[in-house]
Amino acid sequence: MPPLCYPFDDQFRERQCTNQEVSSANASMVWENYVCEVSESGICTTVGRVTPEIYSQLAAAANESYALEHYAPLLLSLQNCNFVRDAFTGITTNYCPPLKHYLYIINVGLGLISVGVLLCLVLWILYANRPQRGEVFVMLSLKEKIKSRFNKNHQSTNLAVPNAGSEV
């Protein structure tokens, strides 16, 4: 049974498949010739090297390999938006040169909006962390209560000392 061709070498450079290897495009068709018939116990009863269950797993892996090999470049171009840049570059150079200026203005506007939102966020954080009116009044009333109690305790100790001194 021929092995599946891996299209890259150990340095991730493209390489040609050998004659003994099968490409991912037609691997499931080639491997279908190596499927055997299976008994109830799961053992091959006819000539073949793989059971239908193993063949279905191998075919699924080959199909996924084919999909990754052919669709990964498109997905990678979506990741870094190269196709959008290429499309707008082609449009602005070939069909509508003033569009480049307007796109620049839109980018500047989006940048200003981003800075404005960031500034609003910073101001909101600063405003949210300052004490509110109710909290300020509570703090003032607590200070007054502490002062009044301290003054009462201080006055009562001052009053007690002269009386004690006069008795002696």
C-alpha atoms as a PDB file:
ATOM      1  CA  MET A   1       0.000   0.000   0.000  1.00  0.00           C
ATOM      2  CA  PRO A   2       1.646   3.279  -1.059  1.00  0.00           C
ATOM      3  CA  PRO A   3       2.242   5.916   1.614  1.00  0.00           C
ATOM      4  CA  LEU A   4       0.775   9.407   1.462  1.00  0.00           C
ATOM      5  CA  CYS A   5       3.116  12.009  -0.013  1.00  0.00           C
ATOM      6  CA  TYR A   6       4.053  14.870   2.291  1.00  0.00           C
ATOM      7  CA  PRO A   7       4.613  17.857  -0.022  1.00  0.00           C
ATOM      8  CA  PHE A   8       7.317  19.480   2.132  1.00  0.00           C
ATOM      9  CA  ASP A   9      10.780  18.408   3.220  1.00  0.00           C
ATOM     10  CA  ASP A  10      12.289  18.802   6.685  1.00  0.00           C
ATOM     11  CA  GLN A  11      13.066  22.484   5.968  1.00  0.00           C
ATOM     12  CA  PHE A  12       9.430  23.133   4.893  1.00  0.00           C
ATOM     13  CA  ARG A  13      10.392  23.604   1.249  1.00  0.00           C
ATOM     14  CA  GLU A  14       8.182  22.115  -1.440  1.00  0.00           C
ATOM     15  CA  ARG A  15       9.358  18.782  -2.796  1.00  0.00           C
ATOM     16  CA  GLN A  16       8.269  16.395  -5.538  1.00  0.00           C
ATOM     17  CA  CYS A  17       6.537  13.168  -4.566  1.00  0.00           C
ATOM     18  CA  THR A  18       8.293   9.925  -5.477  1.00  0.00           C
ATOM     19  CA  ASN A  19       6.721   7.213  -7.648  1.00  0.00           C
ATOM     20  CA  GLN A  20       6.031   5.040  -4.602  1.00  0.00           C
ATOM     21  CA  GLU A  21       4.021   7.774  -2.841  1.00  0.00           C
ATOM     22  CA  VAL A  22       0.448   8.793  -3.540  1.00  0.00           C
ATOM     23  CA  SER A  23      -0.718  12.428  -3.519  1.00  0.00           C
ATOM     24  CA  SER A  24      -3.479  13.590  -1.211  1.00  0.00           C
ATOM     25  CA  ALA A  25      -5.679  14.386  -4.233  1.00  0.00           C
ATOM     26  CA  ASN A  26      -6.126  10.741  -5.275  1.00  0.00           C
ATOM     27  CA  ALA A  27      -5.066   8.839  -2.143  1.00  0.00           C
ATOM     28  CA  SER A  28      -8.560   7.635  -1.263  1.00  0.00           C
ATOM     29  CA  MET A  29      -9.061   6.182  -4.773  1.00  0.00           C
ATOM     30  CA  VAL A  30      -5.697   4.381  -4.739  1.00  0.00           C
ATOM     31  CA  TRP A  31      -6.113   3.054  -1.200  1.00  0.00           C
ATOM     32  CA  GLU A  32      -9.586   1.746  -2.027  1.00  0.00           C
ATOM     33  CA  ASN A  33      -7.866  -1.080  -3.947  1.00  0.00           C
ATOM     34  CA  TYR A  34      -6.278  -2.279  -0.682  1.00  0.00           C
ATOM     35  CA  VAL A  35      -9.521  -2.690   1.302  1.00  0.00           C
ATOM     36  CA  CYS A  36     -10.440  -6.221   2.356  1.00  0.00           C
ATOM     37  CA  GLU A  37     -13.729  -7.784   3.355  1.00  0.00           C
ATOM     38  CA  VAL A  38     -14.079  -8.257   7.093  1.00  0.00           C
ATOM     39  CA  SER A  39     -15.563 -11.127   9.087  1.00  0.00           C
ATOM     40  CA  GLU A  40     -17.751 -10.591  12.147  1.00  0.00           C
ATOM     41  CA  SER A  41     -14.691 -10.817  14.372  1.00  0.00           C
ATOM     42  CA  GLY A  42     -13.025  -7.932  12.473  1.00  0.00           C
ATOM     43  CA  ILE A  43     -10.394  -9.988  10.618  1.00  0.00           C
ATOM     44  CA  CYS A  44      -9.793  -9.649   6.859  1.00  0.00           C
ATOM     45  CA  THR A  45     -11.203 -12.624   4.949  1.00  0.00           C
ATOM     46  CA  THR A  46     -10.126 -11.534   1.446  1.00  0.00           C
ATOM     47  CA  VAL A  47      -6.965 -10.123  -0.054  1.00  0.00           C
ATOM     48  CA  GLY A  48      -6.303  -6.612   1.179  1.00  0.00           C
ATOM     49  CA  ARG A  49      -4.343  -4.744   3.769  1.00  0.00           C
ATOM     50  CA  VAL A  50      -6.847  -2.470   5.547  1.00  0.00           C
ATOM     51  CA  THR A  51     -10.313  -2.914   6.952  1.00  0.00           C
ATOM     52  CA  PRO A  52     -13.136  -0.652   5.757  1.00  0.00           C
ATOM     53  CA  GLU A  53     -13.091   1.168   9.102  1.00  0.00           C
ATOM     54  CA  ILE A  54      -9.373   1.925   8.864  1.00  0.00           C
ATOM     55  CA  TYR A  55      -9.793   2.867   5.197  1.00  0.00           C
ATOM     56  CA  SER A  56     -12.473   5.433   6.089  1.00  0.00           C
ATOM     57  CA  GLN A  57     -10.129   6.971   8.668  1.00  0.00           C
ATOM     58  CA  LEU A  58      -7.240   7.048   6.179  1.00  0.00           C
ATOM     59  CA  ALA A  59      -9.458   8.600   3.492  1.00  0.00           C
ATOM     60  CA  ALA A  60     -10.698  11.245   5.935  1.00  0.00           C
ATOM     61  CA  ALA A  61      -7.110  12.116   6.889  1.00  0.00           C
ATOM     62  CA  ALA A  62      -6.080  12.326   3.223  1.00  0.00           C
ATOM     63  CA  ASN A  63      -9.061  14.571   2.431  1.00  0.00           C
ATOM     64  CA  GLU A  64      -8.207  16.871   5.333  1.00  0.00           C
ATOM     65  CA  SER A  65      -4.595  16.964   4.185  1.00  0.00           C
ATOM     66  CA  TYR A  66      -5.721  17.892   0.679  1.00  0.00           C
ATOM     67  CA  ALA A  67      -7.975  20.638   2.049  1.00  0.00           C
ATOM     68  CA  LEU A  68      -5.172  22.102   4.174  1.00  0.00           C
ATOM     69  CA  GLU A  69      -2.737  21.956   1.282  1.00  0.00           C
ATOM     70  CA  HIS A  70      -5.052  23.780  -1.110  1.00  0.00           C
ATOM     71  CA  TYR A  71      -7.027  26.125   1.151  1.00  0.00           C
ATOM     72  CA  ALA A  72      -4.408  27.167   3.715  1.00  0.00           C
ATOM     73  CA  PRO A  73      -2.879  29.908   1.493  1.00  0.00           C
ATOM     74  CA  LEU A  74      -6.317  31.477   1.063  1.00  0.00           C
ATOM     75  CA  LEU A  75      -6.980  31.302   4.800  1.00  0.00           C
ATOM     76  CA  LEU A  76      -3.588  32.837   5.572  1.00  0.00           C
ATOM     77  CA  SER A  77      -4.303  35.722   3.197  1.00  0.00           C
ATOM     78  CA  LEU A  78      -7.563  36.284   5.104  1.00  0.00           C
ATOM     79  CA  GLN A  79      -5.635  36.357   8.362  1.00  0.00           C
ATOM     80  CA  ASN A  80      -3.454  39.333   7.473  1.00  0.00           C
ATOM     81  CA  CYS A  81      -5.930  40.993   5.032  1.00  0.00           C
ATOM     82  CA  ASN A  82      -3.567  40.890   2.043  1.00  0.00           C
ATOM     83  CA  PHE A  83      -6.472  40.304  -0.327  1.00  0.00           C
ATOM     84  CA  VAL A  84      -8.156  43.516   0.878  1.00  0.00           C
ATOM     85  CA  ARG A  85      -4.968  45.523   0.424  1.00  0.00           C
ATOM     86  CA  ASP A  86      -4.422  44.031  -3.020  1.00  0.00           C
ATOM     87  CA  ALA A  87      -8.010  44.755  -4.048  1.00  0.00           C
ATOM     88  CA  PHE A  88      -7.902  48.392  -2.932  1.00  0.00           C
ATOM     89  CA  THR A  89      -4.445  48.899  -4.446  1.00  0.00           C
ATOM     90  CA  GLY A  90      -5.704  47.583  -7.779  1.00  0.00           C
ATOM     91  CA  ILE A  91      -8.815  49.752  -7.658  1.00  0.00           C
ATOM     92  CA  THR A  92      -6.978  52.934  -6.653  1.00  0.00           C
ATOM     93  CA  THR A  93      -4.197  52.576  -9.210  1.00  0.00           C
ATOM     94  CA  ASN A  94      -6.185  51.300 -12.192  1.00  0.00           C
ATOM     95  CA  TYR A  95      -9.721  52.607 -11.895  1.00  0.00           C
ATOM     96  CA  CYS A  96     -10.154  55.398  -9.360  1.00  0.00           C
ATOM     97  CA  PRO A  97      -7.011  57.285  -8.279  1.00  0.00           C
ATOM     98  CA  PRO A  98      -8.919  59.872  -6.114  1.00  0.00           C
ATOM     99  CA  LEU A  99     -10.195  56.989  -4.001  1.00  0.00           C
ATOM    100  CA  LYS A 100      -6.748  56.718  -2.392  1.00  0.00           C
ATOM    101  CA  HIS A 101      -7.140  60.212  -0.901  1.00  0.00           C
ATOM    102  CA  TYR A 102     -10.634  59.460   0.409  1.00  0.00           C
ATOM    103  CA  LEU A 103      -9.477  56.177   1.940  1.00  0.00           C
ATOM    104  CA  TYR A 104      -6.704  58.093   3.702  1.00  0.00           C
ATOM    105  CA  ILE A 105      -9.267  60.541   5.110  1.00  0.00           C
ATOM    106  CA  ILE A 106     -11.419  57.633   6.318  1.00  0.00           C
ATOM    107  CA  ASN A 107      -8.395  56.049   8.029  1.00  0.00           C
ATOM    108  CA  VAL A 108      -7.570  59.352   9.747  1.00  0.00           C
ATOM    109  CA  GLY A 109     -11.180  59.662  10.904  1.00  0.00           C
ATOM    110  CA  LEU A 110     -11.182  56.130  12.281  1.00  0.00           C
ATOM    111  CA  GLY A 111      -7.934  56.891  14.098  1.00  0.00           C
ATOM    112  CA  LEU A 112      -9.440  60.023  15.661  1.00  0.00           C
ATOM    113  CA  ILE A 113     -12.513  58.074  16.744  1.00  0.00           C
ATOM    114  CA  SER A 114     -10.245  55.452  18.355  1.00  0.00           C
ATOM    115  CA  VAL A 115      -8.334  58.135  20.256  1.00  0.00           C
ATOM    116  CA  GLY A 116     -11.616  59.736  21.369  1.00  0.00           C
ATOM    117  CA  VAL A 117     -12.983  56.444  22.659  1.00  0.00           C
ATOM    118  CA  LEU A 118      -9.716  55.778  24.496  1.00  0.00           C
ATOM    119  CA  LEU A 119      -9.823  59.249  26.074  1.00  0.00           C
ATOM    120  CA  CYS A 120     -13.451  58.729  27.135  1.00  0.00           C
ATOM    121  CA  LEU A 121     -12.487  55.424  28.721  1.00  0.00           C
ATOM    122  CA  VAL A 122      -9.636  56.997  30.699  1.00  0.00           C
ATOM    123  CA  LEU A 123     -11.838  59.878  31.883  1.00  0.00           C
ATOM    124  CA  TRP A 124     -14.601  57.464  32.838  1.00  0.00           C
ATOM    125  CA  ILE A 125     -12.177  55.379  34.907  1.00  0.00           C
ATOM    126  CA  LEU A 126     -10.926  58.505  36.684  1.00  0.00           C
ATOM    127  CA  TYR A 127     -14.482  59.752  37.301  1.00  0.00           C
ATOM    128  CA  ALA A 128     -15.687  56.363  38.548  1.00  0.00           C
ATOM    129  CA  ASN A 129     -12.871  56.092  41.094  1.00  0.00           C
ATOM    130  CA  ARG A 130     -13.390  59.482  42.782  1.00  0.00           C
ATOM    131  CA  PRO A 131     -15.489  59.582  45.962  1.00  0.00           C
ATOM    132  CA  GLN A 132     -19.164  60.338  45.395  1.00  0.00           C
ATOM    133  CA  ARG A 133     -21.071  63.053  47.304  1.00  0.00           C
ATOM    134  CA  GLY A 134     -22.645  60.588  49.698  1.00  0.00           C
ATOM    135  CA  GLU A 135     -19.281  59.042  50.461  1.00  0.00           C
ATOM    136  CA  VAL A 136     -17.777  62.478  51.147  1.00  0.00           C
ATOM    137  CA  PHE A 137     -20.596  63.342  53.589  1.00  0.00           C
ATOM    138  CA  VAL A 138     -20.197  59.994  55.347  1.00  0.00           C
ATOM    139  CA  MET A 139     -16.477  60.605  55.691  1.00  0.00           C
ATOM    140  CA  LEU A 140     -17.072  64.140  57.047  1.00  0.00           C
ATOM    141  CA  SER A 141     -19.666  62.951  59.544  1.00  0.00           C
ATOM    142  CA  LEU A 142     -17.332  60.176  60.703  1.00  0.00           C
ATOM    143  CA  LYS A 143     -14.572  62.733  61.236  1.00  0.00           C
ATOM    144  CA  GLU A 144     -16.936  64.952  63.248  1.00  0.00           C
ATOM    145  CA  LYS A 145     -18.085  62.037  65.406  1.00  0.00           C
ATOM    146  CA  ILE A 146     -14.501  61.021  66.086  1.00  0.00           C
ATOM    147  CA  LYS A 147     -13.546  64.614  66.966  1.00  0.00           C
ATOM    148  CA  SER A 148     -16.530  65.078  69.250  1.00  0.00           C
ATOM    149  CA  ARG A 149     -15.864  61.810  71.087  1.00  0.00           C
ATOM    150  CA  PHE A 150     -12.201  62.634  71.376  1.00  0.00           C
ATOM    151  CA  ASN A 151     -13.032  66.091  72.725  1.00  0.00           C
ATOM    152  CA  LYS A 152     -15.541  64.620  75.245  1.00  0.00           C
ATOM    153  CA  ASN A 153     -12.998  62.065  76.428  1.00  0.00           C
ATOM    154  CA  HIS A 154     -10.287  64.710  76.572  1.00  0.00           C
ATOM    155  CA  GLN A 155     -12.516  67.113  78.562  1.00  0.00           C
ATOM    156  CA  SER A 156     -13.614  64.409  81.007  1.00  0.00           C
ATOM    157  CA  THR A 157     -10.005  63.445  81.703  1.00  0.00           C
ATOM    158  CA  ASN A 158      -9.074  67.112  82.156  1.00  0.00           C
ATOM    159  CA  LEU A 159     -11.941  67.574  84.603  1.00  0.00           C
ATOM    160  CA  ALA A 160     -10.988  64.518  86.586  1.00  0.00           C
ATOM    161  CA  VAL A 161      -7.377  65.555  87.042  1.00  0.00           C
ATOM    162  CA  PRO A 162      -8.006  68.909  88.803  1.00  0.00           C
ATOM    163  CA  ASN A 163     -10.527  67.320  91.159  1.00  0.00           C
ATOM    164  CA  ALA A 164      -8.059  64.627  92.056  1.00  0.00           C
ATOM    165  CA  GLY A 165      -5.359  67.222  92.713  1.00  0.00           C
ATOM    166  CA  SER A 166      -7.596  69.317  94.958  1.00  0.00           C
ATOM    167  CA  GLU A 167      -8.514  66.348  97.103  1.00  0.00           C
ATOM    168  CA  VAL A 168      -4.918  65.501  97.866  1.00  0.00           C
END
